[in-house]
Amino acid sequence: MSDVLKPVRKKSLADTVFDQLRQGILSGELEPGETLPAERALAEKLQVNRGAVREALKRLEQARLITIRHGGNTTVLNFRRTAGTDLLSALLVDEEGNLDLRVGRSVIEMRSALAPSIARLCARRGRDVIDRLDEILASMEANQDDRQELQMASLDFWATLVEGSDNIAYRLAFNSLRESYAHFAELLTDALAEEFEALDKYRALRDAVARGEEEKSARQAGEIIDLGATALLQVIEGLESMTLSDSEDQR
């Protein structure tokens, strides 16, 4: 415990305490079942006021990383069994800004699994988003030579499909995926170019949704996402090879 918790050198803010404790939990330095010190002891160890500690602990409990028993102990939970998708962005990148490749692959796989289902439900329920899809497609066509603009428009296209699916669970999952993606959006512009430059496939998806063709919408969505998934997995495989090579060189 003494090696995990370090004095907070910046302002005594609850988010600083929250980040430090969360990182300790995610890294495994604070293990599932471990009991945290009492508020007063934590405040002294971190050199912050008890209010900051109390707020940080409340946020950790809301994130289902700890459990707080009133009048009792505060215990670290196994986040792999209790936490939600809002934790993805924190898991994807460590404190030093390094990408966790396994989490990155998981995000890609989740994206590929959700997209067809989202499109299918949008075709069933989302005729009222067609005008918005048309606006986005017009923007994509007007910016065909600007990959960054296409990238942002593509995200808006999928966000609109999610809205049309009328599924709050998909909405929240998409929010988490989008937040995770935002960390590397600029770095992935070229890798994902084939996906968001496939305007013919976006138009075909829009048309299938407008006609209420659920299975065709799912297929079209899958075809679009697969373009990006293939490219992203190749990037991850390349990074894994580099990591393995570096590890062998250090031996």
C-alpha atoms as a PDB file:
ATOM      1  CA  MET A   1       0.000   0.000   0.000  1.00  0.00           C
ATOM      2  CA  SER A   2       2.791   2.459   0.901  1.00  0.00           C
ATOM      3  CA  ASP A   3       4.316   2.153  -2.581  1.00  0.00           C
ATOM      4  CA  VAL A   4       0.997   2.718  -4.336  1.00  0.00           C
ATOM      5  CA  LEU A   5      -0.155   5.923  -2.668  1.00  0.00           C
ATOM      6  CA  LYS A   6       1.954   9.020  -3.165  1.00  0.00           C
ATOM      7  CA  PRO A   7       1.415  12.568  -1.850  1.00  0.00           C
ATOM      8  CA  VAL A   8      -0.607  14.760  -4.188  1.00  0.00           C
ATOM      9  CA  ARG A   9       1.747  17.544  -5.279  1.00  0.00           C
ATOM     10  CA  LYS A  10      -0.810  19.590  -7.185  1.00  0.00           C
ATOM     11  CA  LYS A  11      -3.984  21.213  -5.911  1.00  0.00           C
ATOM     12  CA  SER A  12      -6.022  19.181  -3.450  1.00  0.00           C
ATOM     13  CA  LEU A  13      -8.636  18.172  -5.990  1.00  0.00           C
ATOM     14  CA  ALA A  14     -10.844  15.115  -5.794  1.00  0.00           C
ATOM     15  CA  ASP A  15     -10.126  14.178  -9.406  1.00  0.00           C
ATOM     16  CA  THR A  16      -6.399  13.924  -8.642  1.00  0.00           C
ATOM     17  CA  VAL A  17      -7.092  11.544  -5.760  1.00  0.00           C
ATOM     18  CA  PHE A  18      -9.599   9.656  -7.903  1.00  0.00           C
ATOM     19  CA  ASP A  19      -7.090   9.244 -10.754  1.00  0.00           C
ATOM     20  CA  GLN A  20      -4.365   7.973  -8.447  1.00  0.00           C
ATOM     21  CA  LEU A  21      -6.575   5.439  -6.685  1.00  0.00           C
ATOM     22  CA  ARG A  22      -8.208   4.326  -9.937  1.00  0.00           C
ATOM     23  CA  GLN A  23      -4.824   3.753 -11.551  1.00  0.00           C
ATOM     24  CA  GLY A  24      -3.760   1.717  -8.538  1.00  0.00           C
ATOM     25  CA  ILE A  25      -6.842  -0.472  -8.945  1.00  0.00           C
ATOM     26  CA  LEU A  26      -6.552  -0.861 -12.713  1.00  0.00           C
ATOM     27  CA  SER A  27      -2.845  -1.665 -12.542  1.00  0.00           C
ATOM     28  CA  GLY A  28      -3.427  -4.331  -9.904  1.00  0.00           C
ATOM     29  CA  GLU A  29      -1.301  -2.590  -7.295  1.00  0.00           C
ATOM     30  CA  LEU A  30      -4.474  -2.279  -5.241  1.00  0.00           C
ATOM     31  CA  GLU A  31      -5.790  -5.827  -5.435  1.00  0.00           C
ATOM     32  CA  PRO A  32      -9.423  -7.037  -5.343  1.00  0.00           C
ATOM     33  CA  GLY A  33     -10.443  -7.619  -1.756  1.00  0.00           C
ATOM     34  CA  GLU A  34      -7.843  -5.217  -0.395  1.00  0.00           C
ATOM     35  CA  THR A  35      -9.101  -2.831   2.271  1.00  0.00           C
ATOM     36  CA  LEU A  36      -8.271   0.848   1.814  1.00  0.00           C
ATOM     37  CA  PRO A  37      -7.226   2.970   4.784  1.00  0.00           C
ATOM     38  CA  ALA A  38      -9.868   5.096   6.486  1.00  0.00           C
ATOM     39  CA  GLU A  39     -10.616   8.561   5.058  1.00  0.00           C
ATOM     40  CA  ARG A  40      -8.465  10.321   7.624  1.00  0.00           C
ATOM     41  CA  ALA A  41      -5.471   8.053   6.956  1.00  0.00           C
ATOM     42  CA  LEU A  42      -5.878   8.432   3.189  1.00  0.00           C
ATOM     43  CA  ALA A  43      -6.060  12.205   3.484  1.00  0.00           C
ATOM     44  CA  GLU A  44      -2.852  12.241   5.528  1.00  0.00           C
ATOM     45  CA  LYS A  45      -1.078   9.875   3.139  1.00  0.00           C
ATOM     46  CA  LEU A  46      -2.113  11.838   0.041  1.00  0.00           C
ATOM     47  CA  GLN A  47      -1.718  15.195   1.791  1.00  0.00           C
ATOM     48  CA  VAL A  48      -5.193  16.426   0.851  1.00  0.00           C
ATOM     49  CA  ASN A  49      -8.298  17.313   2.807  1.00  0.00           C
ATOM     50  CA  ARG A  50     -10.859  14.677   3.759  1.00  0.00           C
ATOM     51  CA  GLY A  51     -13.471  16.260   1.513  1.00  0.00           C
ATOM     52  CA  ALA A  52     -11.364  15.506  -1.569  1.00  0.00           C
ATOM     53  CA  VAL A  53     -10.872  11.921  -0.411  1.00  0.00           C
ATOM     54  CA  ARG A  54     -14.564  11.471   0.342  1.00  0.00           C
ATOM     55  CA  GLU A  55     -15.594  12.739  -3.101  1.00  0.00           C
ATOM     56  CA  ALA A  56     -12.987  10.584  -4.852  1.00  0.00           C
ATOM     57  CA  LEU A  57     -14.150   7.488  -2.972  1.00  0.00           C
ATOM     58  CA  LYS A  58     -17.739   8.220  -3.900  1.00  0.00           C
ATOM     59  CA  ARG A  59     -16.772   8.411  -7.574  1.00  0.00           C
ATOM     60  CA  LEU A  60     -14.824   5.164  -7.321  1.00  0.00           C
ATOM     61  CA  GLU A  61     -17.864   3.504  -5.780  1.00  0.00           C
ATOM     62  CA  GLN A  62     -20.089   4.832  -8.572  1.00  0.00           C
ATOM     63  CA  ALA A  63     -17.610   3.383 -11.092  1.00  0.00           C
ATOM     64  CA  ARG A  64     -17.950   0.066  -9.213  1.00  0.00           C
ATOM     65  CA  LEU A  65     -14.242  -0.077  -8.433  1.00  0.00           C
ATOM     66  CA  ILE A  66     -14.721  -0.156  -4.660  1.00  0.00           C
ATOM     67  CA  THR A  67     -17.479  -0.888  -2.202  1.00  0.00           C
ATOM     68  CA  ILE A  68     -18.030   1.319   0.840  1.00  0.00           C
ATOM     69  CA  ARG A  69     -19.770  -0.121   3.857  1.00  0.00           C
ATOM     70  CA  HIS A  70     -21.254   2.553   6.039  1.00  0.00           C
ATOM     71  CA  GLY A  71     -19.390   2.504   9.303  1.00  0.00           C
ATOM     72  CA  GLY A  72     -17.144  -0.246   7.940  1.00  0.00           C
ATOM     73  CA  ASN A  73     -14.358  -0.877   5.497  1.00  0.00           C
ATOM     74  CA  THR A  74     -13.766   0.357   1.954  1.00  0.00           C
ATOM     75  CA  THR A  75     -12.840  -2.621  -0.202  1.00  0.00           C
ATOM     76  CA  VAL A  76     -11.355  -2.826  -3.686  1.00  0.00           C
ATOM     77  CA  LEU A  77     -13.559  -4.716  -6.156  1.00  0.00           C
ATOM     78  CA  ASN A  78     -12.542  -6.880  -9.103  1.00  0.00           C
ATOM     79  CA  PHE A  79     -13.314  -4.310 -11.792  1.00  0.00           C
ATOM     80  CA  ARG A  80     -13.357  -7.003 -14.502  1.00  0.00           C
ATOM     81  CA  ARG A  81     -16.497  -8.356 -12.847  1.00  0.00           C
ATOM     82  CA  THR A  82     -18.144  -5.155 -11.645  1.00  0.00           C
ATOM     83  CA  ALA A  83     -17.219  -2.133 -13.811  1.00  0.00           C
ATOM     84  CA  GLY A  84     -18.988  -0.866 -16.942  1.00  0.00           C
ATOM     85  CA  THR A  85     -17.927   0.254 -20.408  1.00  0.00           C
ATOM     86  CA  ASP A  86     -17.233   3.783 -19.149  1.00  0.00           C
ATOM     87  CA  LEU A  87     -13.932   2.374 -17.889  1.00  0.00           C
ATOM     88  CA  LEU A  88     -12.710   1.546 -21.393  1.00  0.00           C
ATOM     89  CA  SER A  89     -10.929   4.827 -22.060  1.00  0.00           C
ATOM     90  CA  ALA A  90      -9.055   4.548 -18.761  1.00  0.00           C
ATOM     91  CA  LEU A  91      -8.001   0.984 -19.556  1.00  0.00           C
ATOM     92  CA  LEU A  92      -6.979   1.799 -23.115  1.00  0.00           C
ATOM     93  CA  VAL A  93      -4.198   4.209 -22.149  1.00  0.00           C
ATOM     94  CA  ASP A  94      -1.928   4.083 -19.119  1.00  0.00           C
ATOM     95  CA  GLU A  95      -0.542   7.038 -17.150  1.00  0.00           C
ATOM     96  CA  GLU A  96       2.351   7.409 -19.572  1.00  0.00           C
ATOM     97  CA  GLY A  97       0.097   7.479 -22.621  1.00  0.00           C
ATOM     98  CA  ASN A  98       0.906   3.940 -23.783  1.00  0.00           C
ATOM     99  CA  LEU A  99      -1.772   1.953 -25.578  1.00  0.00           C
ATOM    100  CA  ASP A 100      -2.851  -1.360 -24.075  1.00  0.00           C
ATOM    101  CA  LEU A 101      -2.985  -3.483 -27.231  1.00  0.00           C
ATOM    102  CA  ARG A 102      -5.292  -6.131 -25.768  1.00  0.00           C
ATOM    103  CA  VAL A 103      -7.818  -3.488 -24.749  1.00  0.00           C
ATOM    104  CA  GLY A 104      -7.454  -1.878 -28.171  1.00  0.00           C
ATOM    105  CA  ARG A 105      -8.285  -5.168 -29.855  1.00  0.00           C
ATOM    106  CA  SER A 106     -11.269  -5.596 -27.544  1.00  0.00           C
ATOM    107  CA  VAL A 107     -12.613  -2.167 -28.522  1.00  0.00           C
ATOM    108  CA  ILE A 108     -12.280  -3.031 -32.225  1.00  0.00           C
ATOM    109  CA  GLU A 109     -14.077  -6.339 -31.734  1.00  0.00           C
ATOM    110  CA  MET A 110     -16.879  -4.691 -29.761  1.00  0.00           C
ATOM    111  CA  ARG A 111     -17.279  -2.051 -32.475  1.00  0.00           C
ATOM    112  CA  SER A 112     -17.542  -4.760 -35.143  1.00  0.00           C
ATOM    113  CA  ALA A 113     -20.119  -6.691 -33.130  1.00  0.00           C
ATOM    114  CA  LEU A 114     -22.359  -3.722 -32.356  1.00  0.00           C
ATOM    115  CA  ALA A 115     -22.471  -1.975 -35.739  1.00  0.00           C
ATOM    116  CA  PRO A 116     -24.690  -4.492 -37.621  1.00  0.00           C
ATOM    117  CA  SER A 117     -27.158  -4.694 -34.742  1.00  0.00           C
ATOM    118  CA  ILE A 118     -27.344  -0.903 -34.458  1.00  0.00           C
ATOM    119  CA  ALA A 119     -28.045  -0.587 -38.194  1.00  0.00           C
ATOM    120  CA  ARG A 120     -30.676  -3.340 -38.046  1.00  0.00           C
ATOM    121  CA  LEU A 121     -32.560  -1.580 -35.242  1.00  0.00           C
ATOM    122  CA  CYS A 122     -32.257   1.786 -36.976  1.00  0.00           C
ATOM    123  CA  ALA A 123     -33.893   0.293 -40.067  1.00  0.00           C
ATOM    124  CA  ARG A 124     -36.719  -0.943 -37.838  1.00  0.00           C
ATOM    125  CA  ARG A 125     -37.231   2.201 -35.778  1.00  0.00           C
ATOM    126  CA  GLY A 126     -35.275   5.133 -37.125  1.00  0.00           C
ATOM    127  CA  ARG A 127     -36.918   6.515 -40.251  1.00  0.00           C
ATOM    128  CA  ASP A 128     -36.911   9.952 -38.610  1.00  0.00           C
ATOM    129  CA  VAL A 129     -33.090  10.159 -38.800  1.00  0.00           C
ATOM    130  CA  ILE A 130     -32.898   9.821 -42.589  1.00  0.00           C
ATOM    131  CA  ASP A 131     -32.771  13.572 -43.155  1.00  0.00           C
ATOM    132  CA  ARG A 132     -29.854  13.843 -40.754  1.00  0.00           C
ATOM    133  CA  LEU A 133     -28.067  10.969 -42.510  1.00  0.00           C
ATOM    134  CA  ASP A 134     -28.560  12.813 -45.816  1.00  0.00           C
ATOM    135  CA  GLU A 135     -26.986  15.951 -44.349  1.00  0.00           C
ATOM    136  CA  ILE A 136     -23.981  13.980 -43.137  1.00  0.00           C
ATOM    137  CA  LEU A 137     -23.568  12.224 -46.481  1.00  0.00           C
ATOM    138  CA  ALA A 138     -23.676  15.595 -48.246  1.00  0.00           C
ATOM    139  CA  SER A 139     -20.919  16.795 -45.917  1.00  0.00           C
ATOM    140  CA  MET A 140     -18.856  13.680 -46.611  1.00  0.00           C
ATOM    141  CA  GLU A 141     -19.230  14.150 -50.352  1.00  0.00           C
ATOM    142  CA  ALA A 142     -18.209  17.808 -50.070  1.00  0.00           C
ATOM    143  CA  ASN A 143     -15.088  16.858 -48.078  1.00  0.00           C
ATOM    144  CA  GLN A 144     -13.920  13.777 -49.952  1.00  0.00           C
ATOM    145  CA  ASP A 145     -10.374  15.114 -50.097  1.00  0.00           C
ATOM    146  CA  ASP A 146     -10.182  15.933 -46.384  1.00  0.00           C
ATOM    147  CA  ARG A 147      -9.692  12.739 -44.403  1.00  0.00           C
ATOM    148  CA  GLN A 148     -10.049  14.369 -41.008  1.00  0.00           C
ATOM    149  CA  GLU A 149     -13.388  15.915 -41.972  1.00  0.00           C
ATOM    150  CA  LEU A 150     -14.516  12.563 -43.366  1.00  0.00           C
ATOM    151  CA  GLN A 151     -13.485  10.901 -40.124  1.00  0.00           C
ATOM    152  CA  MET A 152     -15.566  13.279 -38.012  1.00  0.00           C
ATOM    153  CA  ALA A 153     -18.527  12.997 -40.381  1.00  0.00           C
ATOM    154  CA  SER A 154     -18.293   9.212 -40.224  1.00  0.00           C
ATOM    155  CA  LEU A 155     -18.522   9.327 -36.424  1.00  0.00           C
ATOM    156  CA  ASP A 156     -21.592  11.565 -36.737  1.00  0.00           C
ATOM    157  CA  PHE A 157     -23.122   9.091 -39.192  1.00  0.00           C
ATOM    158  CA  TRP A 158     -22.763   6.248 -36.701  1.00  0.00           C
ATOM    159  CA  ALA A 159     -23.983   8.417 -33.834  1.00  0.00           C
ATOM    160  CA  THR A 160     -27.106   9.140 -35.868  1.00  0.00           C
ATOM    161  CA  LEU A 161     -27.671   5.448 -36.522  1.00  0.00           C
ATOM    162  CA  VAL A 162     -27.355   4.808 -32.789  1.00  0.00           C
ATOM    163  CA  GLU A 163     -29.929   7.520 -32.139  1.00  0.00           C
ATOM    164  CA  GLY A 164     -32.228   5.906 -34.674  1.00  0.00           C
ATOM    165  CA  SER A 165     -31.838   2.496 -33.039  1.00  0.00           C
ATOM    166  CA  ASP A 166     -33.648   3.887 -29.980  1.00  0.00           C
ATOM    167  CA  ASN A 167     -31.553   1.651 -27.734  1.00  0.00           C
ATOM    168  CA  ILE A 168     -30.134   3.348 -24.650  1.00  0.00           C
ATOM    169  CA  ALA A 169     -27.691   0.496 -23.969  1.00  0.00           C
ATOM    170  CA  TYR A 170     -26.187   0.916 -27.444  1.00  0.00           C
ATOM    171  CA  ARG A 171     -26.144   4.679 -26.941  1.00  0.00           C
ATOM    172  CA  LEU A 172     -24.084   4.402 -23.767  1.00  0.00           C
ATOM    173  CA  ALA A 173     -21.776   1.774 -25.235  1.00  0.00           C
ATOM    174  CA  PHE A 174     -21.218   3.987 -28.284  1.00  0.00           C
ATOM    175  CA  ASN A 175     -20.394   6.920 -26.016  1.00  0.00           C
ATOM    176  CA  SER A 176     -17.710   4.837 -24.309  1.00  0.00           C
ATOM    177  CA  LEU A 177     -16.295   3.625 -27.611  1.00  0.00           C
ATOM    178  CA  ARG A 178     -16.234   7.149 -29.003  1.00  0.00           C
ATOM    179  CA  GLU A 179     -14.444   8.468 -25.922  1.00  0.00           C
ATOM    180  CA  SER A 180     -11.848   5.702 -26.238  1.00  0.00           C
ATOM    181  CA  TYR A 181     -11.429   6.393 -29.944  1.00  0.00           C
ATOM    182  CA  ALA A 182     -10.933  10.118 -29.322  1.00  0.00           C
ATOM    183  CA  HIS A 183      -7.541   9.431 -27.722  1.00  0.00           C
ATOM    184  CA  PHE A 184      -6.154   8.258 -31.057  1.00  0.00           C
ATOM    185  CA  ALA A 185      -8.444   9.769 -33.668  1.00  0.00           C
ATOM    186  CA  GLU A 186      -5.709  11.801 -35.352  1.00  0.00           C
ATOM    187  CA  LEU A 187      -3.259   8.899 -35.316  1.00  0.00           C
ATOM    188  CA  LEU A 188      -5.826   6.579 -36.909  1.00  0.00           C
ATOM    189  CA  THR A 189      -6.949   8.895 -39.693  1.00  0.00           C
ATOM    190  CA  ASP A 190      -4.845   7.193 -42.347  1.00  0.00           C
ATOM    191  CA  ALA A 191      -5.395   3.672 -41.013  1.00  0.00           C
ATOM    192  CA  LEU A 192      -9.179   4.119 -41.210  1.00  0.00           C
ATOM    193  CA  ALA A 193      -9.189   6.001 -44.508  1.00  0.00           C
ATOM    194  CA  GLU A 194     -10.582   3.087 -46.516  1.00  0.00           C
ATOM    195  CA  GLU A 195     -13.528   2.841 -44.134  1.00  0.00           C
ATOM    196  CA  PHE A 196     -14.688   6.439 -44.116  1.00  0.00           C
ATOM    197  CA  GLU A 197     -13.885   7.002 -47.792  1.00  0.00           C
ATOM    198  CA  ALA A 198     -16.294   4.220 -48.828  1.00  0.00           C
ATOM    199  CA  LEU A 199     -19.104   6.675 -49.571  1.00  0.00           C
ATOM    200  CA  ASP A 200     -20.926   4.224 -51.823  1.00  0.00           C
ATOM    201  CA  LYS A 201     -21.295   1.863 -48.881  1.00  0.00           C
ATOM    202  CA  TYR A 202     -22.546   4.651 -46.616  1.00  0.00           C
ATOM    203  CA  ARG A 203     -25.142   5.582 -49.244  1.00  0.00           C
ATOM    204  CA  ALA A 204     -26.210   1.947 -49.580  1.00  0.00           C
ATOM    205  CA  LEU A 205     -26.583   1.729 -45.795  1.00  0.00           C
ATOM    206  CA  ARG A 206     -28.626   4.920 -45.721  1.00  0.00           C
ATOM    207  CA  ASP A 207     -30.922   3.575 -48.464  1.00  0.00           C
ATOM    208  CA  ALA A 208     -31.410   0.228 -46.721  1.00  0.00           C
ATOM    209  CA  VAL A 209     -32.304   1.996 -43.462  1.00  0.00           C
ATOM    210  CA  ALA A 210     -34.731   4.303 -45.284  1.00  0.00           C
ATOM    211  CA  ARG A 211     -36.468   1.282 -46.845  1.00  0.00           C
ATOM    212  CA  GLY A 212     -36.619  -0.537 -43.525  1.00  0.00           C
ATOM    213  CA  GLU A 213     -34.486  -3.402 -44.823  1.00  0.00           C
ATOM    214  CA  GLU A 214     -33.113  -4.688 -41.552  1.00  0.00           C
ATOM    215  CA  GLU A 215     -30.850  -7.498 -42.708  1.00  0.00           C
ATOM    216  CA  LYS A 216     -29.449  -5.531 -45.619  1.00  0.00           C
ATOM    217  CA  SER A 217     -28.753  -2.634 -43.268  1.00  0.00           C
ATOM    218  CA  ALA A 218     -26.887  -5.000 -40.944  1.00  0.00           C
ATOM    219  CA  ARG A 219     -24.818  -6.394 -43.827  1.00  0.00           C
ATOM    220  CA  GLN A 220     -23.936  -2.938 -45.145  1.00  0.00           C
ATOM    221  CA  ALA A 221     -22.920  -1.765 -41.677  1.00  0.00           C
ATOM    222  CA  GLY A 222     -20.758  -4.845 -41.249  1.00  0.00           C
ATOM    223  CA  GLU A 223     -19.031  -4.256 -44.576  1.00  0.00           C
ATOM    224  CA  ILE A 224     -18.157  -0.681 -43.617  1.00  0.00           C
ATOM    225  CA  ILE A 225     -16.890  -1.563 -40.154  1.00  0.00           C
ATOM    226  CA  ASP A 226     -14.905  -4.523 -41.441  1.00  0.00           C
ATOM    227  CA  LEU A 227     -12.845  -2.188 -43.621  1.00  0.00           C
ATOM    228  CA  GLY A 228     -11.692  -0.282 -40.553  1.00  0.00           C
ATOM    229  CA  ALA A 229     -11.396  -3.341 -38.323  1.00  0.00           C
ATOM    230  CA  THR A 230      -9.052  -5.064 -40.753  1.00  0.00           C
ATOM    231  CA  ALA A 231      -6.821  -1.992 -40.929  1.00  0.00           C
ATOM    232  CA  LEU A 232      -6.821  -1.431 -37.167  1.00  0.00           C
ATOM    233  CA  LEU A 233      -6.014  -5.048 -36.371  1.00  0.00           C
ATOM    234  CA  GLN A 234      -3.095  -4.851 -38.775  1.00  0.00           C
ATOM    235  CA  VAL A 235      -1.841  -1.790 -36.873  1.00  0.00           C
ATOM    236  CA  ILE A 236      -2.144  -3.634 -33.564  1.00  0.00           C
ATOM    237  CA  GLU A 237      -0.383  -6.717 -34.950  1.00  0.00           C
ATOM    238  CA  GLY A 238       2.436  -4.481 -36.122  1.00  0.00           C
ATOM    239  CA  LEU A 239       2.740  -2.868 -32.703  1.00  0.00           C
ATOM    240  CA  GLU A 240       2.703  -6.275 -31.022  1.00  0.00           C
ATOM    241  CA  SER A 241       5.511  -7.455 -33.293  1.00  0.00           C
ATOM    242  CA  MET A 242       7.544  -4.362 -32.441  1.00  0.00           C
ATOM    243  CA  THR A 243       6.960  -4.905 -28.723  1.00  0.00           C
ATOM    244  CA  LEU A 244       7.972  -8.555 -28.983  1.00  0.00           C
ATOM    245  CA  SER A 245      11.067  -7.628 -30.953  1.00  0.00           C
ATOM    246  CA  ASP A 246      12.064  -4.992 -28.401  1.00  0.00           C
ATOM    247  CA  SER A 247      11.607  -7.495 -25.577  1.00  0.00           C
ATOM    248  CA  GLU A 248      13.823 -10.052 -27.321  1.00  0.00           C
ATOM    249  CA  ASP A 249      16.497  -7.429 -27.959  1.00  0.00           C
ATOM    250  CA  GLN A 250      16.594  -6.573 -24.257  1.00  0.00           C
ATOM    251  CA  ARG A 251      17.281 -10.159 -23.242  1.00  0.00           C
END
